[in-house]
Amino acid sequence: MEKKKMRKRTLITGILSFIVLLLAGAGFWAYRLILAPDFEPRKTVYVYIDEKKDFGDLCRQLVDSAGCRRIGSFRQLAGMLKYPANMRTGRYAVEPGMNNLALLNNLRRGHQEATRITFNNIRFKQDLAERLAGQLMIGEDDLLPLLADSAYCASLGFTTETILALFIPNTYEVYWNISAEKLMQRMQREYKAFWNDTRLAKAKEIGMTPVEVSILASIVEEETAAADEYPIVAGLYLNRLQRGIPLQADPTVKFAVGDFSLQRILFEHLEIDSPYNTYKHAGLPPGPLRIPTIRGLDAVLDHMKHNYLYMCAKEDFSGRHNFAATLAEHNRNANRYRAELNRRKIR
């Protein structure tokens, strides 16, 4: 009797031990699958998922860039959660010590990290599209049609000639997979925030709309490489506008010709029949020559008050200018500059 009881206890103990070992093994397997750290990059890295990337591409990126130690377990858990068939675009952070479940939860729910975009020194729509396409999921072909669509530009309060004035150069946080339309809407909000009551009042004081300020600021920035000259140049052009004198700004001729590398403006260039040629057409051109900086915009709004009407590049080619209030004084400055051009054989 005692022997039977002993055998029964031994059997029960063995079964229980097996179950415990089985549960322990299952727990360890589940821990490694779900909760154990599986990513060991040296610092937080980001994986980018666009509409062309499939699950295999993502796994390769995790191995190559995110220090994934057990890609098999990541694949297994992803399959159990049905993630491969439900991938969402975006820019996702992979942190040192991250486990599979934490990453997959972010991937499945679209919990991505914002990215910072910047754009400056932009002259043409193509330049802007290229710059933004290099920082976001959108391509040039997503943005350029909007910038060329007169009805769409009008819905934002611009024309196809003035639409670049919408973009205020700064650093912005957006989601990497933002659509072109949503990006434009974001830029419109930033534009309205920039043009606050104070700036609008200053623009009204000089008789200009925000778009006209942007156009003039773009000319000012193309005219001089010395930022401390911006308020002087802005004041000069405002003097001419207020007196009905054509701007006769060389950068507008370069824009009309389509060559900003011109070092010498010739009479043949001045005869170009373009609304951007301010030697032939009075007032401002139809649109900005570039996306002006905040400093350039504020230089127009806070321009220097003086009686200058003329300017000419300094003959030392420093990028700075000689300013004049009279044509006689300007001609003397211009003669010195032309003499130096001739001496250096610049045609």
C-alpha atoms as a PDB file:
ATOM      1  CA  MET A   1       0.000   0.000   0.000  1.00  0.00           C
ATOM      2  CA  GLU A   2       2.748   2.391   1.022  1.00  0.00           C
ATOM      3  CA  LYS A   3       4.712   1.551  -2.113  1.00  0.00           C
ATOM      4  CA  LYS A   4       1.680   2.370  -4.307  1.00  0.00           C
ATOM      5  CA  LYS A   5       1.252   5.693  -2.549  1.00  0.00           C
ATOM      6  CA  MET A   6       4.940   6.442  -2.999  1.00  0.00           C
ATOM      7  CA  ARG A   7       4.792   5.641  -6.712  1.00  0.00           C
ATOM      8  CA  LYS A   8       1.705   7.813  -7.069  1.00  0.00           C
ATOM      9  CA  ARG A   9       3.399  10.730  -5.285  1.00  0.00           C
ATOM     10  CA  THR A  10       6.467  10.292  -7.460  1.00  0.00           C
ATOM     11  CA  LEU A  11       4.323  10.273 -10.599  1.00  0.00           C
ATOM     12  CA  ILE A  12       2.439  13.385  -9.512  1.00  0.00           C
ATOM     13  CA  THR A  13       5.670  15.113  -8.577  1.00  0.00           C
ATOM     14  CA  GLY A  14       7.162  14.243 -11.941  1.00  0.00           C
ATOM     15  CA  ILE A  15       4.113  15.494 -13.782  1.00  0.00           C
ATOM     16  CA  LEU A  16       4.085  18.705 -11.789  1.00  0.00           C
ATOM     17  CA  SER A  17       7.813  19.191 -12.364  1.00  0.00           C
ATOM     18  CA  PHE A  18       7.310  18.655 -16.066  1.00  0.00           C
ATOM     19  CA  ILE A  19       4.485  21.172 -16.120  1.00  0.00           C
ATOM     20  CA  VAL A  20       6.595  23.664 -14.176  1.00  0.00           C
ATOM     21  CA  LEU A  21       9.493  23.169 -16.560  1.00  0.00           C
ATOM     22  CA  LEU A  22       7.133  23.455 -19.506  1.00  0.00           C
ATOM     23  CA  LEU A  23       5.645  26.674 -18.148  1.00  0.00           C
ATOM     24  CA  ALA A  24       9.085  28.013 -17.334  1.00  0.00           C
ATOM     25  CA  GLY A  25      10.248  27.236 -20.846  1.00  0.00           C
ATOM     26  CA  ALA A  26       7.145  28.809 -22.332  1.00  0.00           C
ATOM     27  CA  GLY A  27       7.608  31.842 -20.128  1.00  0.00           C
ATOM     28  CA  PHE A  28      11.243  32.179 -21.131  1.00  0.00           C
ATOM     29  CA  TRP A  29      10.285  31.775 -24.806  1.00  0.00           C
ATOM     30  CA  ALA A  30       7.534  34.403 -24.432  1.00  0.00           C
ATOM     31  CA  TYR A  31       9.899  36.735 -22.610  1.00  0.00           C
ATOM     32  CA  ARG A  32      12.522  36.472 -25.336  1.00  0.00           C
ATOM     33  CA  LEU A  33       9.852  36.876 -28.005  1.00  0.00           C
ATOM     34  CA  ILE A  34       8.030  39.819 -26.469  1.00  0.00           C
ATOM     35  CA  LEU A  35       9.820  41.616 -23.656  1.00  0.00           C
ATOM     36  CA  ALA A  36      13.547  40.892 -23.881  1.00  0.00           C
ATOM     37  CA  PRO A  37      15.655  43.720 -25.322  1.00  0.00           C
ATOM     38  CA  ASP A  38      16.177  42.946 -28.994  1.00  0.00           C
ATOM     39  CA  PHE A  39      17.602  46.178 -30.382  1.00  0.00           C
ATOM     40  CA  GLU A  40      20.987  47.548 -29.421  1.00  0.00           C
ATOM     41  CA  PRO A  41      21.888  50.543 -31.606  1.00  0.00           C
ATOM     42  CA  ARG A  42      24.565  52.807 -30.136  1.00  0.00           C
ATOM     43  CA  LYS A  43      21.995  55.589 -29.983  1.00  0.00           C
ATOM     44  CA  THR A  44      18.398  56.087 -31.052  1.00  0.00           C
ATOM     45  CA  VAL A  45      18.060  55.458 -34.777  1.00  0.00           C
ATOM     46  CA  TYR A  46      15.101  55.871 -37.095  1.00  0.00           C
ATOM     47  CA  VAL A  47      13.593  53.514 -39.616  1.00  0.00           C
ATOM     48  CA  TYR A  48      11.724  54.973 -42.552  1.00  0.00           C
ATOM     49  CA  ILE A  49       8.769  53.174 -44.087  1.00  0.00           C
ATOM     50  CA  ASP A  50       7.350  54.499 -47.335  1.00  0.00           C
ATOM     51  CA  GLU A  51       4.709  53.039 -49.602  1.00  0.00           C
ATOM     52  CA  LYS A  52       7.286  50.999 -51.532  1.00  0.00           C
ATOM     53  CA  LYS A  53       8.909  49.309 -48.527  1.00  0.00           C
ATOM     54  CA  ASP A  54       7.747  45.798 -47.617  1.00  0.00           C
ATOM     55  CA  PHE A  55       8.240  43.773 -44.441  1.00  0.00           C
ATOM     56  CA  GLY A  56      11.419  42.152 -45.729  1.00  0.00           C
ATOM     57  CA  ASP A  57      12.923  45.583 -46.434  1.00  0.00           C
ATOM     58  CA  LEU A  58      12.067  46.669 -42.887  1.00  0.00           C
ATOM     59  CA  CYS A  59      13.694  43.581 -41.361  1.00  0.00           C
ATOM     60  CA  ARG A  60      16.882  44.179 -43.323  1.00  0.00           C
ATOM     61  CA  GLN A  61      16.938  47.787 -42.159  1.00  0.00           C
ATOM     62  CA  LEU A  62      16.477  46.684 -38.532  1.00  0.00           C
ATOM     63  CA  VAL A  63      19.428  44.311 -38.814  1.00  0.00           C
ATOM     64  CA  ASP A  64      21.667  46.739 -40.686  1.00  0.00           C
ATOM     65  CA  SER A  65      20.868  49.959 -38.834  1.00  0.00           C
ATOM     66  CA  ALA A  66      19.087  49.194 -35.567  1.00  0.00           C
ATOM     67  CA  GLY A  67      21.292  46.458 -34.097  1.00  0.00           C
ATOM     68  CA  CYS A  68      18.565  43.807 -34.086  1.00  0.00           C
ATOM     69  CA  ARG A  69      19.883  40.719 -32.248  1.00  0.00           C
ATOM     70  CA  ARG A  70      17.101  38.217 -33.003  1.00  0.00           C
ATOM     71  CA  ILE A  71      15.342  39.158 -36.208  1.00  0.00           C
ATOM     72  CA  GLY A  72      13.645  35.756 -36.200  1.00  0.00           C
ATOM     73  CA  SER A  73      11.772  36.549 -32.990  1.00  0.00           C
ATOM     74  CA  PHE A  74      10.783  39.956 -34.377  1.00  0.00           C
ATOM     75  CA  ARG A  75       9.443  38.289 -37.508  1.00  0.00           C
ATOM     76  CA  GLN A  76       7.557  35.710 -35.424  1.00  0.00           C
ATOM     77  CA  LEU A  77       5.851  38.257 -33.172  1.00  0.00           C
ATOM     78  CA  ALA A  78       5.089  40.523 -36.133  1.00  0.00           C
ATOM     79  CA  GLY A  79       3.366  37.591 -37.851  1.00  0.00           C
ATOM     80  CA  MET A  80       1.342  36.779 -34.734  1.00  0.00           C
ATOM     81  CA  LEU A  81       0.186  40.412 -34.593  1.00  0.00           C
ATOM     82  CA  LYS A  82      -0.570  40.437 -38.340  1.00  0.00           C
ATOM     83  CA  TYR A  83       1.712  43.421 -38.855  1.00  0.00           C
ATOM     84  CA  PRO A  84       3.328  42.508 -42.236  1.00  0.00           C
ATOM     85  CA  ALA A  85      -0.014  42.928 -44.012  1.00  0.00           C
ATOM     86  CA  ASN A  86      -0.829  46.165 -42.180  1.00  0.00           C
ATOM     87  CA  MET A  87       2.344  48.254 -42.376  1.00  0.00           C
ATOM     88  CA  ARG A  88       1.962  52.014 -41.945  1.00  0.00           C
ATOM     89  CA  THR A  89       4.269  54.626 -43.424  1.00  0.00           C
ATOM     90  CA  GLY A  90       6.320  56.881 -41.191  1.00  0.00           C
ATOM     91  CA  ARG A  91       9.563  57.570 -39.352  1.00  0.00           C
ATOM     92  CA  TYR A  92       9.911  55.363 -36.293  1.00  0.00           C
ATOM     93  CA  ALA A  93      12.411  55.527 -33.442  1.00  0.00           C
ATOM     94  CA  VAL A  94      14.360  52.444 -32.375  1.00  0.00           C
ATOM     95  CA  GLU A  95      15.955  53.021 -28.972  1.00  0.00           C
ATOM     96  CA  PRO A  96      18.770  51.060 -27.302  1.00  0.00           C
ATOM     97  CA  GLY A  97      17.297  48.197 -25.260  1.00  0.00           C
ATOM     98  CA  MET A  98      13.910  48.327 -27.019  1.00  0.00           C
ATOM     99  CA  ASN A  99      11.920  45.087 -27.157  1.00  0.00           C
ATOM    100  CA  ASN A 100       9.934  43.635 -30.029  1.00  0.00           C
ATOM    101  CA  LEU A 101       6.509  44.411 -28.594  1.00  0.00           C
ATOM    102  CA  ALA A 102       7.305  48.077 -27.908  1.00  0.00           C
ATOM    103  CA  LEU A 103       8.564  48.612 -31.449  1.00  0.00           C
ATOM    104  CA  LEU A 104       5.738  46.674 -33.059  1.00  0.00           C
ATOM    105  CA  ASN A 105       3.150  48.587 -31.061  1.00  0.00           C
ATOM    106  CA  ASN A 106       4.551  51.841 -32.433  1.00  0.00           C
ATOM    107  CA  LEU A 107       4.719  50.447 -35.958  1.00  0.00           C
ATOM    108  CA  ARG A 108       1.176  49.042 -35.868  1.00  0.00           C
ATOM    109  CA  ARG A 109      -0.370  52.183 -34.380  1.00  0.00           C
ATOM    110  CA  GLY A 110       1.579  54.625 -36.512  1.00  0.00           C
ATOM    111  CA  HIS A 111       3.210  56.201 -33.453  1.00  0.00           C
ATOM    112  CA  GLN A 112       6.071  57.851 -35.269  1.00  0.00           C
ATOM    113  CA  GLU A 113       8.579  60.535 -34.377  1.00  0.00           C
ATOM    114  CA  ALA A 114       8.375  63.970 -35.998  1.00  0.00           C
ATOM    115  CA  THR A 115      11.273  65.144 -38.125  1.00  0.00           C
ATOM    116  CA  ARG A 116      12.696  68.635 -38.554  1.00  0.00           C
ATOM    117  CA  ILE A 117      12.700  70.272 -41.956  1.00  0.00           C
ATOM    118  CA  THR A 118      14.511  73.409 -43.049  1.00  0.00           C
ATOM    119  CA  PHE A 119      14.661  75.315 -46.296  1.00  0.00           C
ATOM    120  CA  ASN A 120      16.667  78.402 -47.142  1.00  0.00           C
ATOM    121  CA  ASN A 121      18.502  79.915 -50.098  1.00  0.00           C
ATOM    122  CA  ILE A 122      15.674  78.855 -52.431  1.00  0.00           C
ATOM    123  CA  ARG A 123      15.156  80.644 -55.752  1.00  0.00           C
ATOM    124  CA  PHE A 124      12.836  78.462 -57.785  1.00  0.00           C
ATOM    125  CA  LYS A 125       9.922  76.103 -57.197  1.00  0.00           C
ATOM    126  CA  GLN A 126      12.030  73.206 -58.436  1.00  0.00           C
ATOM    127  CA  ASP A 127      14.676  74.034 -55.818  1.00  0.00           C
ATOM    128  CA  LEU A 128      12.060  74.031 -53.063  1.00  0.00           C
ATOM    129  CA  ALA A 129      10.524  70.754 -54.209  1.00  0.00           C
ATOM    130  CA  GLU A 130      13.943  69.084 -54.335  1.00  0.00           C
ATOM    131  CA  ARG A 131      14.888  70.377 -50.875  1.00  0.00           C
ATOM    132  CA  LEU A 132      11.671  69.176 -49.249  1.00  0.00           C
ATOM    133  CA  ALA A 133      11.627  65.856 -51.104  1.00  0.00           C
ATOM    134  CA  GLY A 134      15.082  65.189 -49.697  1.00  0.00           C
ATOM    135  CA  GLN A 135      13.737  65.543 -46.153  1.00  0.00           C
ATOM    136  CA  LEU A 136      10.248  64.012 -46.402  1.00  0.00           C
ATOM    137  CA  MET A 137       8.443  61.037 -47.927  1.00  0.00           C
ATOM    138  CA  ILE A 138       6.783  63.215 -50.575  1.00  0.00           C
ATOM    139  CA  GLY A 139       8.425  63.498 -53.952  1.00  0.00           C
ATOM    140  CA  GLU A 140       8.987  66.494 -56.170  1.00  0.00           C
ATOM    141  CA  ASP A 141       6.075  65.320 -58.320  1.00  0.00           C
ATOM    142  CA  ASP A 142       3.745  65.609 -55.332  1.00  0.00           C
ATOM    143  CA  LEU A 143       4.559  69.233 -54.575  1.00  0.00           C
ATOM    144  CA  LEU A 144       5.293  70.854 -57.947  1.00  0.00           C
ATOM    145  CA  PRO A 145       1.780  70.364 -59.389  1.00  0.00           C
ATOM    146  CA  LEU A 146       0.305  72.209 -56.390  1.00  0.00           C
ATOM    147  CA  LEU A 147       2.743  75.108 -56.819  1.00  0.00           C
ATOM    148  CA  ALA A 148       1.770  75.333 -60.504  1.00  0.00           C
ATOM    149  CA  ASP A 149      -2.001  75.044 -59.965  1.00  0.00           C
ATOM    150  CA  SER A 150      -3.527  78.520 -60.184  1.00  0.00           C
ATOM    151  CA  ALA A 151      -6.824  77.466 -58.556  1.00  0.00           C
ATOM    152  CA  TYR A 152      -5.052  75.743 -55.675  1.00  0.00           C
ATOM    153  CA  CYS A 153      -2.706  78.693 -55.120  1.00  0.00           C
ATOM    154  CA  ALA A 154      -5.707  81.043 -55.176  1.00  0.00           C
ATOM    155  CA  SER A 155      -7.370  78.950 -52.464  1.00  0.00           C
ATOM    156  CA  LEU A 156      -4.394  79.794 -50.232  1.00  0.00           C
ATOM    157  CA  GLY A 157      -4.463  83.484 -51.173  1.00  0.00           C
ATOM    158  CA  PHE A 158      -1.633  83.479 -53.729  1.00  0.00           C
ATOM    159  CA  THR A 159      -0.944  83.223 -57.435  1.00  0.00           C
ATOM    160  CA  THR A 160       1.433  80.806 -59.107  1.00  0.00           C
ATOM    161  CA  GLU A 161       3.895  83.714 -59.297  1.00  0.00           C
ATOM    162  CA  THR A 162       3.627  84.627 -55.596  1.00  0.00           C
ATOM    163  CA  ILE A 163       3.160  81.192 -54.006  1.00  0.00           C
ATOM    164  CA  LEU A 164       6.791  81.026 -52.819  1.00  0.00           C
ATOM    165  CA  ALA A 165       5.984  83.934 -50.488  1.00  0.00           C
ATOM    166  CA  LEU A 166       3.905  81.431 -48.484  1.00  0.00           C
ATOM    167  CA  PHE A 167       7.090  79.730 -47.264  1.00  0.00           C
ATOM    168  CA  ILE A 168       8.779  81.416 -44.314  1.00  0.00           C
ATOM    169  CA  PRO A 169      12.307  79.964 -43.916  1.00  0.00           C
ATOM    170  CA  ASN A 170      12.640  78.367 -40.507  1.00  0.00           C
ATOM    171  CA  THR A 171      12.926  74.965 -38.847  1.00  0.00           C
ATOM    172  CA  TYR A 172       9.640  73.089 -38.581  1.00  0.00           C
ATOM    173  CA  GLU A 173       8.666  69.800 -36.972  1.00  0.00           C
ATOM    174  CA  VAL A 174       6.385  67.672 -39.140  1.00  0.00           C
ATOM    175  CA  TYR A 175       5.713  63.991 -39.643  1.00  0.00           C
ATOM    176  CA  TRP A 176       7.968  62.493 -42.292  1.00  0.00           C
ATOM    177  CA  ASN A 177       5.020  61.005 -44.189  1.00  0.00           C
ATOM    178  CA  ILE A 178       3.046  64.252 -44.313  1.00  0.00           C
ATOM    179  CA  SER A 179       1.218  64.717 -47.615  1.00  0.00           C
ATOM    180  CA  ALA A 180       1.979  67.628 -49.927  1.00  0.00           C
ATOM    181  CA  GLU A 181      -1.463  69.114 -49.267  1.00  0.00           C
ATOM    182  CA  LYS A 182      -1.081  68.927 -45.480  1.00  0.00           C
ATOM    183  CA  LEU A 183       2.398  70.424 -45.737  1.00  0.00           C
ATOM    184  CA  MET A 184       0.982  73.372 -47.667  1.00  0.00           C
ATOM    185  CA  GLN A 185      -1.716  73.792 -45.026  1.00  0.00           C
ATOM    186  CA  ARG A 186       0.948  73.761 -42.320  1.00  0.00           C
ATOM    187  CA  MET A 187       2.945  76.402 -44.181  1.00  0.00           C
ATOM    188  CA  GLN A 188      -0.183  78.531 -44.453  1.00  0.00           C
ATOM    189  CA  ARG A 189      -0.628  78.366 -40.657  1.00  0.00           C
ATOM    190  CA  GLU A 190       3.020  79.326 -40.161  1.00  0.00           C
ATOM    191  CA  TYR A 191       2.608  82.184 -42.643  1.00  0.00           C
ATOM    192  CA  LYS A 192      -0.369  83.547 -40.743  1.00  0.00           C
ATOM    193  CA  ALA A 193       1.501  83.210 -37.456  1.00  0.00           C
ATOM    194  CA  PHE A 194       4.481  85.095 -38.881  1.00  0.00           C
ATOM    195  CA  TRP A 195       2.305  87.892 -40.215  1.00  0.00           C
ATOM    196  CA  ASN A 196       1.071  88.941 -36.800  1.00  0.00           C
ATOM    197  CA  ASP A 197      -0.651  92.239 -36.011  1.00  0.00           C
ATOM    198  CA  THR A 198       2.666  94.030 -35.477  1.00  0.00           C
ATOM    199  CA  ARG A 199       4.099  93.042 -38.858  1.00  0.00           C
ATOM    200  CA  LEU A 200       0.801  93.684 -40.635  1.00  0.00           C
ATOM    201  CA  ALA A 201       0.695  97.188 -39.148  1.00  0.00           C
ATOM    202  CA  LYS A 202       4.246  97.893 -40.352  1.00  0.00           C
ATOM    203  CA  ALA A 203       3.379  96.654 -43.851  1.00  0.00           C
ATOM    204  CA  LYS A 204       0.290  98.866 -43.924  1.00  0.00           C
ATOM    205  CA  GLU A 205       2.387 101.841 -42.835  1.00  0.00           C
ATOM    206  CA  ILE A 206       4.553 101.535 -45.954  1.00  0.00           C
ATOM    207  CA  GLY A 207       1.533 100.824 -48.154  1.00  0.00           C
ATOM    208  CA  MET A 208       2.346  97.196 -48.873  1.00  0.00           C
ATOM    209  CA  THR A 209       0.687  93.811 -48.548  1.00  0.00           C
ATOM    210  CA  PRO A 210       2.630  90.910 -47.002  1.00  0.00           C
ATOM    211  CA  VAL A 211       3.171  89.475 -50.487  1.00  0.00           C
ATOM    212  CA  GLU A 212       4.566  92.777 -51.745  1.00  0.00           C
ATOM    213  CA  VAL A 213       6.898  92.901 -48.740  1.00  0.00           C
ATOM    214  CA  SER A 214       8.101  89.417 -49.683  1.00  0.00           C
ATOM    215  CA  ILE A 215       8.714  90.455 -53.290  1.00  0.00           C
ATOM    216  CA  LEU A 216      10.723  93.502 -52.253  1.00  0.00           C
ATOM    217  CA  ALA A 217      12.647  91.507 -49.623  1.00  0.00           C
ATOM    218  CA  SER A 218      13.608  88.975 -52.285  1.00  0.00           C
ATOM    219  CA  ILE A 219      15.055  91.761 -54.448  1.00  0.00           C
ATOM    220  CA  VAL A 220      16.927  93.209 -51.484  1.00  0.00           C
ATOM    221  CA  GLU A 221      18.501  89.842 -50.666  1.00  0.00           C
ATOM    222  CA  GLU A 222      19.523  89.231 -54.263  1.00  0.00           C
ATOM    223  CA  GLU A 223      20.966  92.730 -54.474  1.00  0.00           C
ATOM    224  CA  THR A 224      23.434  92.477 -51.605  1.00  0.00           C
ATOM    225  CA  ALA A 225      25.373  89.723 -49.889  1.00  0.00           C
ATOM    226  CA  ALA A 226      25.871  91.928 -46.827  1.00  0.00           C
ATOM    227  CA  ALA A 227      22.934  91.398 -44.494  1.00  0.00           C
ATOM    228  CA  ASP A 228      23.664  94.630 -42.641  1.00  0.00           C
ATOM    229  CA  GLU A 229      22.904  96.463 -45.914  1.00  0.00           C
ATOM    230  CA  TYR A 230      19.384  94.995 -46.146  1.00  0.00           C
ATOM    231  CA  PRO A 231      17.629  97.890 -44.339  1.00  0.00           C
ATOM    232  CA  ILE A 232      19.543 100.459 -46.434  1.00  0.00           C
ATOM    233  CA  VAL A 233      18.704  98.780 -49.743  1.00  0.00           C
ATOM    234  CA  ALA A 234      15.088  98.293 -48.662  1.00  0.00           C
ATOM    235  CA  GLY A 235      14.823 101.990 -47.821  1.00  0.00           C
ATOM    236  CA  LEU A 236      16.313 102.917 -51.193  1.00  0.00           C
ATOM    237  CA  TYR A 237      13.788 100.853 -53.151  1.00  0.00           C
ATOM    238  CA  LEU A 238      10.928 102.170 -51.049  1.00  0.00           C
ATOM    239  CA  ASN A 239      12.080 105.705 -51.875  1.00  0.00           C
ATOM    240  CA  ARG A 240      11.934 104.871 -55.568  1.00  0.00           C
ATOM    241  CA  LEU A 241       8.536 103.193 -55.326  1.00  0.00           C
ATOM    242  CA  GLN A 242       7.050 106.100 -53.410  1.00  0.00           C
ATOM    243  CA  ARG A 243       8.354 108.562 -56.010  1.00  0.00           C
ATOM    244  CA  GLY A 244       7.204 106.477 -58.966  1.00  0.00           C
ATOM    245  CA  ILE A 245      10.768 105.800 -60.128  1.00  0.00           C
ATOM    246  CA  PRO A 246      11.366 102.373 -61.725  1.00  0.00           C
ATOM    247  CA  LEU A 247      13.347 100.119 -59.404  1.00  0.00           C
ATOM    248  CA  GLN A 248      15.940  99.306 -62.087  1.00  0.00           C
ATOM    249  CA  ALA A 249      17.142  96.427 -59.934  1.00  0.00           C
ATOM    250  CA  ASP A 250      19.757  94.244 -61.613  1.00  0.00           C
ATOM    251  CA  PRO A 251      18.590  91.027 -59.876  1.00  0.00           C
ATOM    252  CA  THR A 252      15.213  91.344 -61.607  1.00  0.00           C
ATOM    253  CA  VAL A 253      17.032  91.406 -64.956  1.00  0.00           C
ATOM    254  CA  LYS A 254      19.026  88.312 -63.999  1.00  0.00           C
ATOM    255  CA  PHE A 255      15.751  86.608 -63.084  1.00  0.00           C
ATOM    256  CA  ALA A 256      14.184  87.632 -66.396  1.00  0.00           C
ATOM    257  CA  VAL A 257      17.225  86.357 -68.296  1.00  0.00           C
ATOM    258  CA  GLY A 258      17.285  83.202 -66.184  1.00  0.00           C
ATOM    259  CA  ASP A 259      20.947  83.544 -65.228  1.00  0.00           C
ATOM    260  CA  PHE A 260      21.869  84.658 -61.717  1.00  0.00           C
ATOM    261  CA  SER A 261      25.560  84.136 -62.462  1.00  0.00           C
ATOM    262  CA  LEU A 262      25.729  87.273 -64.642  1.00  0.00           C
ATOM    263  CA  GLN A 263      28.463  89.564 -63.346  1.00  0.00           C
ATOM    264  CA  ARG A 264      27.841  92.331 -65.811  1.00  0.00           C
ATOM    265  CA  ILE A 265      24.429  93.559 -66.924  1.00  0.00           C
ATOM    266  CA  LEU A 266      24.617  94.674 -70.565  1.00  0.00           C
ATOM    267  CA  PHE A 267      22.216  96.863 -72.538  1.00  0.00           C
ATOM    268  CA  GLU A 268      20.949  93.775 -74.369  1.00  0.00           C
ATOM    269  CA  HIS A 269      19.875  92.335 -71.013  1.00  0.00           C
ATOM    270  CA  LEU A 270      18.003  95.516 -70.130  1.00  0.00           C
ATOM    271  CA  GLU A 271      15.909  95.117 -73.279  1.00  0.00           C
ATOM    272  CA  ILE A 272      14.498  91.740 -72.222  1.00  0.00           C
ATOM    273  CA  ASP A 273      10.713  92.074 -72.404  1.00  0.00           C
ATOM    274  CA  SER A 274       9.642  90.467 -69.164  1.00  0.00           C
ATOM    275  CA  PRO A 275       7.334  91.675 -66.374  1.00  0.00           C
ATOM    276  CA  TYR A 276      10.258  90.916 -64.053  1.00  0.00           C
ATOM    277  CA  ASN A 277      12.523  93.413 -65.809  1.00  0.00           C
ATOM    278  CA  THR A 278      12.213  96.483 -63.582  1.00  0.00           C
ATOM    279  CA  TYR A 279      14.189  98.576 -66.069  1.00  0.00           C
ATOM    280  CA  LYS A 280      11.267  98.279 -68.499  1.00  0.00           C
ATOM    281  CA  HIS A 281       8.369  97.991 -66.053  1.00  0.00           C
ATOM    282  CA  ALA A 282       7.685 100.266 -63.098  1.00  0.00           C
ATOM    283  CA  GLY A 283       6.694  98.942 -59.689  1.00  0.00           C
ATOM    284  CA  LEU A 284       7.309  95.492 -58.266  1.00  0.00           C
ATOM    285  CA  PRO A 285       7.663  92.362 -60.401  1.00  0.00           C
ATOM    286  CA  PRO A 286       4.838  89.789 -60.331  1.00  0.00           C
ATOM    287  CA  GLY A 287       6.457  87.571 -57.725  1.00  0.00           C
ATOM    288  CA  PRO A 288       9.486  87.072 -55.496  1.00  0.00           C
ATOM    289  CA  LEU A 289      12.869  86.272 -57.042  1.00  0.00           C
ATOM    290  CA  ARG A 290      13.565  83.887 -54.184  1.00  0.00           C
ATOM    291  CA  ILE A 291      12.104  82.868 -50.837  1.00  0.00           C
ATOM    292  CA  PRO A 292      13.220  85.760 -48.634  1.00  0.00           C
ATOM    293  CA  THR A 293      14.545  85.142 -45.138  1.00  0.00           C
ATOM    294  CA  ILE A 294      12.917  86.444 -41.982  1.00  0.00           C
ATOM    295  CA  ARG A 295      15.776  88.910 -41.699  1.00  0.00           C
ATOM    296  CA  GLY A 296      15.083  90.170 -45.209  1.00  0.00           C
ATOM    297  CA  LEU A 297      11.364  90.517 -44.563  1.00  0.00           C
ATOM    298  CA  ASP A 298      11.948  92.418 -41.341  1.00  0.00           C
ATOM    299  CA  ALA A 299      14.526  94.616 -43.088  1.00  0.00           C
ATOM    300  CA  VAL A 300      11.768  95.891 -45.381  1.00  0.00           C
ATOM    301  CA  LEU A 301       9.365  96.416 -42.508  1.00  0.00           C
ATOM    302  CA  ASP A 302      12.059  98.117 -40.411  1.00  0.00           C
ATOM    303  CA  HIS A 303      13.894  99.772 -43.312  1.00  0.00           C
ATOM    304  CA  MET A 304      16.333 102.605 -42.813  1.00  0.00           C
ATOM    305  CA  LYS A 305      14.962 106.055 -43.588  1.00  0.00           C
ATOM    306  CA  HIS A 306      17.337 108.046 -45.815  1.00  0.00           C
ATOM    307  CA  ASN A 307      17.362 109.903 -49.137  1.00  0.00           C
ATOM    308  CA  TYR A 308      19.272 107.371 -51.243  1.00  0.00           C
ATOM    309  CA  LEU A 309      17.891 106.607 -54.696  1.00  0.00           C
ATOM    310  CA  TYR A 310      20.854 104.867 -56.314  1.00  0.00           C
ATOM    311  CA  MET A 311      23.271 102.099 -55.496  1.00  0.00           C
ATOM    312  CA  CYS A 312      26.228 100.526 -57.248  1.00  0.00           C
ATOM    313  CA  ALA A 313      28.448  97.599 -56.335  1.00  0.00           C
ATOM    314  CA  LYS A 314      31.736  98.651 -54.783  1.00  0.00           C
ATOM    315  CA  GLU A 315      34.708  98.423 -57.052  1.00  0.00           C
ATOM    316  CA  ASP A 316      36.536  96.215 -54.526  1.00  0.00           C
ATOM    317  CA  PHE A 317      34.089  93.374 -55.319  1.00  0.00           C
ATOM    318  CA  SER A 318      33.396  92.917 -51.621  1.00  0.00           C
ATOM    319  CA  GLY A 319      29.701  92.383 -52.294  1.00  0.00           C
ATOM    320  CA  ARG A 320      28.948  95.705 -50.635  1.00  0.00           C
ATOM    321  CA  HIS A 321      27.627  98.884 -52.236  1.00  0.00           C
ATOM    322  CA  ASN A 322      28.111 102.610 -52.657  1.00  0.00           C
ATOM    323  CA  PHE A 323      24.862 104.520 -52.144  1.00  0.00           C
ATOM    324  CA  ALA A 324      23.954 107.877 -53.636  1.00  0.00           C
ATOM    325  CA  ALA A 325      21.183 110.448 -53.385  1.00  0.00           C
ATOM    326  CA  THR A 326      21.893 112.104 -56.739  1.00  0.00           C
ATOM    327  CA  LEU A 327      22.416 110.779 -60.244  1.00  0.00           C
ATOM    328  CA  ALA A 328      25.727 112.657 -60.568  1.00  0.00           C
ATOM    329  CA  GLU A 329      27.093 110.948 -57.458  1.00  0.00           C
ATOM    330  CA  HIS A 330      25.795 107.590 -58.668  1.00  0.00           C
ATOM    331  CA  ASN A 331      27.451 108.012 -62.050  1.00  0.00           C
ATOM    332  CA  ARG A 332      30.800 108.578 -60.366  1.00  0.00           C
ATOM    333  CA  ASN A 333      30.344 105.380 -58.373  1.00  0.00           C
ATOM    334  CA  ALA A 334      29.245 103.477 -61.478  1.00  0.00           C
ATOM    335  CA  ASN A 335      32.230 104.700 -63.494  1.00  0.00           C
ATOM    336  CA  ARG A 336      34.637 103.403 -60.857  1.00  0.00           C
ATOM    337  CA  TYR A 337      32.901 100.027 -60.870  1.00  0.00           C
ATOM    338  CA  ARG A 338      32.871  99.770 -64.689  1.00  0.00           C
ATOM    339  CA  ALA A 339      36.540 100.702 -64.812  1.00  0.00           C
ATOM    340  CA  GLU A 340      37.336  97.835 -62.458  1.00  0.00           C
ATOM    341  CA  LEU A 341      35.219  95.450 -64.524  1.00  0.00           C
ATOM    342  CA  ASN A 342      37.205  96.447 -67.600  1.00  0.00           C
ATOM    343  CA  ARG A 343      40.497  96.123 -65.763  1.00  0.00           C
ATOM    344  CA  ARG A 344      39.578  92.593 -64.693  1.00  0.00           C
ATOM    345  CA  LYS A 345      38.330  91.854 -68.232  1.00  0.00           C
ATOM    346  CA  ILE A 346      34.872  90.850 -67.007  1.00  0.00           C
ATOM    347  CA  ARG A 347      32.491  90.961 -69.948  1.00  0.00           C
END
